[in-house]
N, C-alpha and C. Protein backbone atom coordinates (compact mmCIF):
# COMPACT_ATOMS: atom_id res chain seq x y z
N MET A 1 -9.25 -10.35 -18.64
CA MET A 1 -8.78 -9.42 -17.25
C MET A 1 -8.60 -8.06 -17.99
N GLU A 2 -9.16 -7.36 -17.22
CA GLU A 2 -8.96 -5.67 -17.11
C GLU A 2 -7.80 -5.21 -17.45
N GLU A 3 -7.95 -4.16 -17.92
CA GLU A 3 -6.53 -3.09 -17.97
C GLU A 3 -6.01 -2.65 -16.72
N PHE A 4 -4.98 -2.78 -16.23
CA PHE A 4 -4.37 -1.81 -15.10
C PHE A 4 -2.82 -1.34 -15.96
N ILE A 5 -2.67 -0.10 -15.23
CA ILE A 5 -1.63 0.73 -15.42
C ILE A 5 -0.91 0.59 -14.08
N ILE A 6 0.55 1.32 -14.52
CA ILE A 6 1.59 1.16 -13.05
C ILE A 6 1.76 2.88 -12.84
N LYS A 7 1.24 3.07 -11.58
CA LYS A 7 1.66 4.39 -11.18
C LYS A 7 2.66 4.14 -10.18
N GLU A 8 3.31 5.50 -9.32
CA GLU A 8 4.27 5.09 -8.63
C GLU A 8 3.85 6.20 -7.39
N PHE A 9 3.82 6.00 -5.88
CA PHE A 9 3.83 6.57 -5.10
C PHE A 9 4.45 6.49 -3.88
N ARG A 10 5.61 7.79 -3.34
CA ARG A 10 6.58 7.32 -2.56
C ARG A 10 7.42 6.47 -2.93
N GLY A 11 7.85 6.11 -3.92
CA GLY A 11 8.78 5.05 -4.19
C GLY A 11 8.34 3.81 -4.66
N VAL A 12 6.94 3.44 -4.53
CA VAL A 12 6.37 2.08 -4.60
C VAL A 12 5.91 2.27 -5.56
N LYS A 13 5.83 1.35 -6.79
CA LYS A 13 5.30 1.15 -7.95
C LYS A 13 3.93 0.58 -7.98
N TYR A 14 2.77 0.91 -8.27
CA TYR A 14 1.74 0.20 -7.90
C TYR A 14 0.74 -0.33 -8.81
N TYR A 15 0.15 -1.20 -8.95
CA TYR A 15 -1.13 -1.60 -10.02
C TYR A 15 -2.52 -0.84 -9.75
N ILE A 16 -2.89 -0.03 -10.81
CA ILE A 16 -4.56 0.50 -10.34
C ILE A 16 -5.27 0.13 -11.66
N ASN A 17 -6.73 -0.06 -11.18
CA ASN A 17 -7.77 -0.10 -12.47
C ASN A 17 -8.58 1.15 -12.29
N ILE A 18 -9.64 1.13 -13.05
CA ILE A 18 -10.79 2.09 -13.07
C ILE A 18 -11.25 2.27 -11.42
N GLU A 19 -11.49 1.11 -10.26
CA GLU A 19 -11.42 1.10 -9.34
C GLU A 19 -10.82 1.55 -8.11
N THR A 20 -9.47 1.81 -8.28
CA THR A 20 -8.61 2.09 -7.44
C THR A 20 -8.65 3.39 -7.07
N VAL A 21 -8.71 3.74 -5.91
CA VAL A 21 -8.57 4.79 -5.35
C VAL A 21 -7.04 5.46 -5.08
N ARG A 22 -6.74 6.35 -6.01
CA ARG A 22 -5.54 6.73 -6.12
C ARG A 22 -4.70 7.68 -4.95
N PRO A 23 -3.78 7.31 -4.28
CA PRO A 23 -3.33 8.03 -3.32
C PRO A 23 -3.09 9.48 -3.72
N SER A 24 -3.48 10.33 -2.13
CA SER A 24 -3.13 11.77 -2.41
C SER A 24 -2.01 12.01 -1.47
N GLU A 25 -0.59 12.59 -2.23
CA GLU A 25 0.35 12.78 -1.68
C GLU A 25 0.06 13.70 -0.22
N GLN A 26 -0.87 14.76 -0.10
CA GLN A 26 -1.06 15.62 0.81
C GLN A 26 -1.42 14.79 2.02
N MET A 27 -2.56 13.86 1.60
CA MET A 27 -3.45 13.14 2.76
C MET A 27 -2.59 11.78 3.28
N ASN A 28 -2.29 10.93 2.14
CA ASN A 28 -1.55 9.92 2.33
C ASN A 28 -0.29 10.20 3.04
N GLY A 29 0.56 11.17 2.72
CA GLY A 29 1.63 11.63 3.10
C GLY A 29 1.56 11.99 4.68
N PHE A 30 0.70 12.46 4.90
CA PHE A 30 0.50 12.71 6.57
C PHE A 30 -0.12 11.46 7.23
N PHE A 31 -0.59 10.66 6.78
CA PHE A 31 -1.08 9.19 7.23
C PHE A 31 0.28 8.88 7.53
N ILE A 32 1.11 8.56 6.26
CA ILE A 32 2.29 7.64 6.60
C ILE A 32 3.31 8.17 7.53
N GLU A 33 3.35 9.71 7.82
CA GLU A 33 4.68 10.04 8.35
C GLU A 33 4.05 9.45 9.83
N ARG A 34 2.64 9.89 10.12
CA ARG A 34 2.04 9.80 11.78
C ARG A 34 2.42 8.27 12.05
N LEU A 35 1.82 7.16 11.14
CA LEU A 35 2.19 6.14 11.46
C LEU A 35 3.61 5.79 11.99
N ASN A 36 4.41 6.27 11.03
CA ASN A 36 5.70 5.89 11.02
C ASN A 36 6.28 6.52 12.65
N LYS A 37 6.12 7.45 13.03
CA LYS A 37 6.09 8.05 14.10
C LYS A 37 5.47 7.23 15.44
N LEU A 38 4.60 6.62 15.14
CA LEU A 38 3.73 6.29 16.40
C LEU A 38 4.20 4.81 16.37
N ALA A 39 4.45 3.87 15.30
CA ALA A 39 4.59 2.42 15.62
C ALA A 39 5.86 2.27 16.36
N LYS A 40 5.81 1.22 17.28
CA LYS A 40 6.70 1.04 18.55
C LYS A 40 7.60 -0.37 17.27
N PRO A 41 8.95 -0.41 17.88
CA PRO A 41 9.95 -1.62 17.29
C PRO A 41 9.16 -2.91 17.05
N GLU A 42 9.58 -3.31 16.00
CA GLU A 42 9.04 -4.55 16.02
C GLU A 42 7.63 -4.88 15.62
N SER A 43 6.85 -3.85 14.92
CA SER A 43 5.31 -3.54 15.15
C SER A 43 4.94 -4.26 13.72
N SER A 44 3.65 -5.06 13.82
CA SER A 44 3.25 -5.06 12.60
C SER A 44 2.17 -4.55 12.34
N MET A 45 1.64 -4.37 10.73
CA MET A 45 0.37 -3.53 10.41
C MET A 45 -0.17 -4.29 9.59
N LEU A 46 -1.56 -4.07 9.95
CA LEU A 46 -3.04 -4.17 9.13
C LEU A 46 -3.25 -3.57 8.45
N ASP A 47 -3.40 -3.64 6.80
CA ASP A 47 -3.98 -2.78 6.05
C ASP A 47 -5.41 -3.00 5.33
N LEU A 48 -6.63 -2.88 6.13
CA LEU A 48 -7.54 -3.34 5.68
C LEU A 48 -8.28 -2.77 4.21
N CYS A 49 -8.85 -3.38 3.61
CA CYS A 49 -9.67 -2.29 2.05
C CYS A 49 -8.22 -1.80 1.42
N SER A 50 -7.35 -2.94 1.33
CA SER A 50 -5.87 -2.34 0.70
C SER A 50 -5.92 -1.57 -0.35
N GLY A 51 -7.22 -2.18 -1.41
CA GLY A 51 -7.03 -1.25 -2.52
C GLY A 51 -5.67 -2.06 -3.46
N SER A 52 -4.90 -0.98 -4.08
CA SER A 52 -3.51 -1.66 -4.79
C SER A 52 -2.38 -1.90 -3.51
N GLY A 53 -2.68 -1.52 -2.24
CA GLY A 53 -1.58 -1.99 -1.58
C GLY A 53 -0.38 -0.80 -1.34
N CYS A 54 -0.58 0.18 -2.30
CA CYS A 54 0.34 1.16 -2.23
C CYS A 54 0.66 2.01 -0.81
N ILE A 55 -0.01 2.20 -0.19
CA ILE A 55 0.00 2.98 1.32
C ILE A 55 0.62 2.11 2.10
N GLY A 56 -0.15 0.67 2.61
CA GLY A 56 0.51 -0.45 3.12
C GLY A 56 1.74 -0.57 3.19
N ILE A 57 2.39 -1.04 1.53
CA ILE A 57 3.43 -1.29 1.04
C ILE A 57 4.52 -0.03 1.49
N SER A 58 4.01 1.19 1.20
CA SER A 58 4.88 2.49 1.18
C SER A 58 5.56 2.76 3.06
N VAL A 59 4.64 2.35 3.67
CA VAL A 59 4.65 2.55 4.85
C VAL A 59 5.95 1.31 5.37
N PHE A 60 5.43 0.13 4.97
CA PHE A 60 6.47 -0.76 5.59
C PHE A 60 7.76 -0.86 4.64
N LYS A 61 7.67 -0.30 3.56
CA LYS A 61 8.99 -0.21 3.20
C LYS A 61 10.03 1.27 3.72
N GLN A 62 9.20 2.24 4.10
CA GLN A 62 9.84 3.19 4.79
C GLN A 62 10.23 3.26 6.13
N SER A 63 9.50 2.47 6.82
CA SER A 63 9.64 2.45 8.43
C SER A 63 10.87 1.30 8.72
N GLN A 64 11.54 1.77 9.60
CA GLN A 64 12.49 0.60 10.21
C GLN A 64 11.95 -0.20 11.40
N LYS A 65 10.68 0.46 11.70
CA LYS A 65 9.79 -0.21 13.18
C LYS A 65 9.09 -1.54 12.54
N ILE A 66 8.27 -1.33 11.61
CA ILE A 66 7.02 -2.17 11.17
C ILE A 66 7.99 -3.39 10.11
N LYS A 67 7.78 -4.47 11.09
CA LYS A 67 8.79 -5.73 10.39
C LYS A 67 7.78 -6.73 9.98
N ARG A 68 6.33 -6.60 9.86
CA ARG A 68 5.44 -7.31 9.39
C ARG A 68 4.02 -6.75 8.86
N LEU A 69 3.77 -6.97 7.36
CA LEU A 69 2.77 -6.12 7.11
C LEU A 69 1.79 -7.18 6.52
N THR A 70 0.25 -6.98 6.76
CA THR A 70 -0.94 -7.91 6.21
C THR A 70 -1.45 -6.87 5.36
N LEU A 71 -1.77 -7.36 4.20
CA LEU A 71 -2.86 -6.87 3.32
C LEU A 71 -4.43 -7.21 3.06
N GLY A 72 -5.16 -6.66 3.47
CA GLY A 72 -6.67 -7.21 3.77
C GLY A 72 -7.39 -6.70 2.52
N GLU A 73 -8.17 -7.43 1.47
CA GLU A 73 -9.01 -6.89 0.53
C GLU A 73 -9.76 -7.93 0.06
N ILE A 74 -10.80 -7.83 -0.24
CA ILE A 74 -11.93 -8.90 -0.71
C ILE A 74 -12.05 -8.74 -1.93
N ASN A 75 -12.17 -7.47 -2.70
CA ASN A 75 -12.43 -7.64 -4.01
C ASN A 75 -11.52 -8.16 -4.99
N PRO A 76 -11.62 -9.11 -6.05
CA PRO A 76 -10.73 -9.99 -6.43
C PRO A 76 -9.74 -9.09 -7.70
N ARG A 77 -10.25 -8.07 -8.11
CA ARG A 77 -9.24 -7.49 -9.04
C ARG A 77 -8.30 -6.61 -8.40
N GLN A 78 -8.94 -6.43 -7.10
CA GLN A 78 -7.63 -5.46 -6.04
C GLN A 78 -6.66 -6.29 -5.90
N VAL A 79 -7.24 -7.82 -5.20
CA VAL A 79 -6.25 -8.71 -4.67
C VAL A 79 -5.54 -8.81 -5.94
N HIS A 80 -5.55 -8.86 -7.28
CA HIS A 80 -4.82 -9.32 -8.31
C HIS A 80 -3.89 -7.83 -8.38
N ALA A 81 -4.20 -6.91 -8.42
CA ALA A 81 -3.62 -5.43 -8.17
C ALA A 81 -2.63 -5.75 -7.00
N ILE A 82 -3.03 -6.17 -5.92
CA ILE A 82 -1.89 -6.31 -4.83
C ILE A 82 -0.85 -7.31 -4.98
N ARG A 83 -1.24 -8.25 -5.45
CA ARG A 83 0.02 -9.24 -6.18
C ARG A 83 0.86 -8.89 -6.92
N GLN A 84 0.34 -8.16 -7.93
CA GLN A 84 1.02 -7.47 -8.84
C GLN A 84 1.95 -6.41 -8.38
N THR A 85 1.45 -5.54 -7.37
CA THR A 85 2.35 -4.48 -6.86
C THR A 85 3.21 -5.14 -5.92
N ILE A 86 2.79 -6.21 -5.06
CA ILE A 86 4.18 -6.89 -4.24
C ILE A 86 5.13 -7.69 -5.42
N ARG A 87 4.80 -7.97 -6.53
CA ARG A 87 5.65 -8.86 -7.37
C ARG A 87 6.85 -7.52 -8.13
N ILE A 88 6.36 -6.49 -8.42
CA ILE A 88 7.15 -5.55 -8.90
C ILE A 88 7.74 -4.72 -8.06
N ASN A 89 7.57 -5.03 -6.56
CA ASN A 89 8.48 -3.85 -5.33
C ASN A 89 9.36 -5.07 -4.76
């Protein structure tokens, strides 16, 4: 299995490898803030092409409104990264 390292983004530790797109605080911070404002109470969130899952998990952990998160990823190495990210959070 290839090597992964652990990074942190908005209080979420996440596993990354060479294929993982690393989140940008400026762009993804804006995205997360907008999602939190637009979400209705008891919302569900679908994060497709999740990569490490850090953005979806960050929104889920920081939002009082989002009650269910589904992460979707087809790359087996990224699925492994998501599982590890969930495990450490």
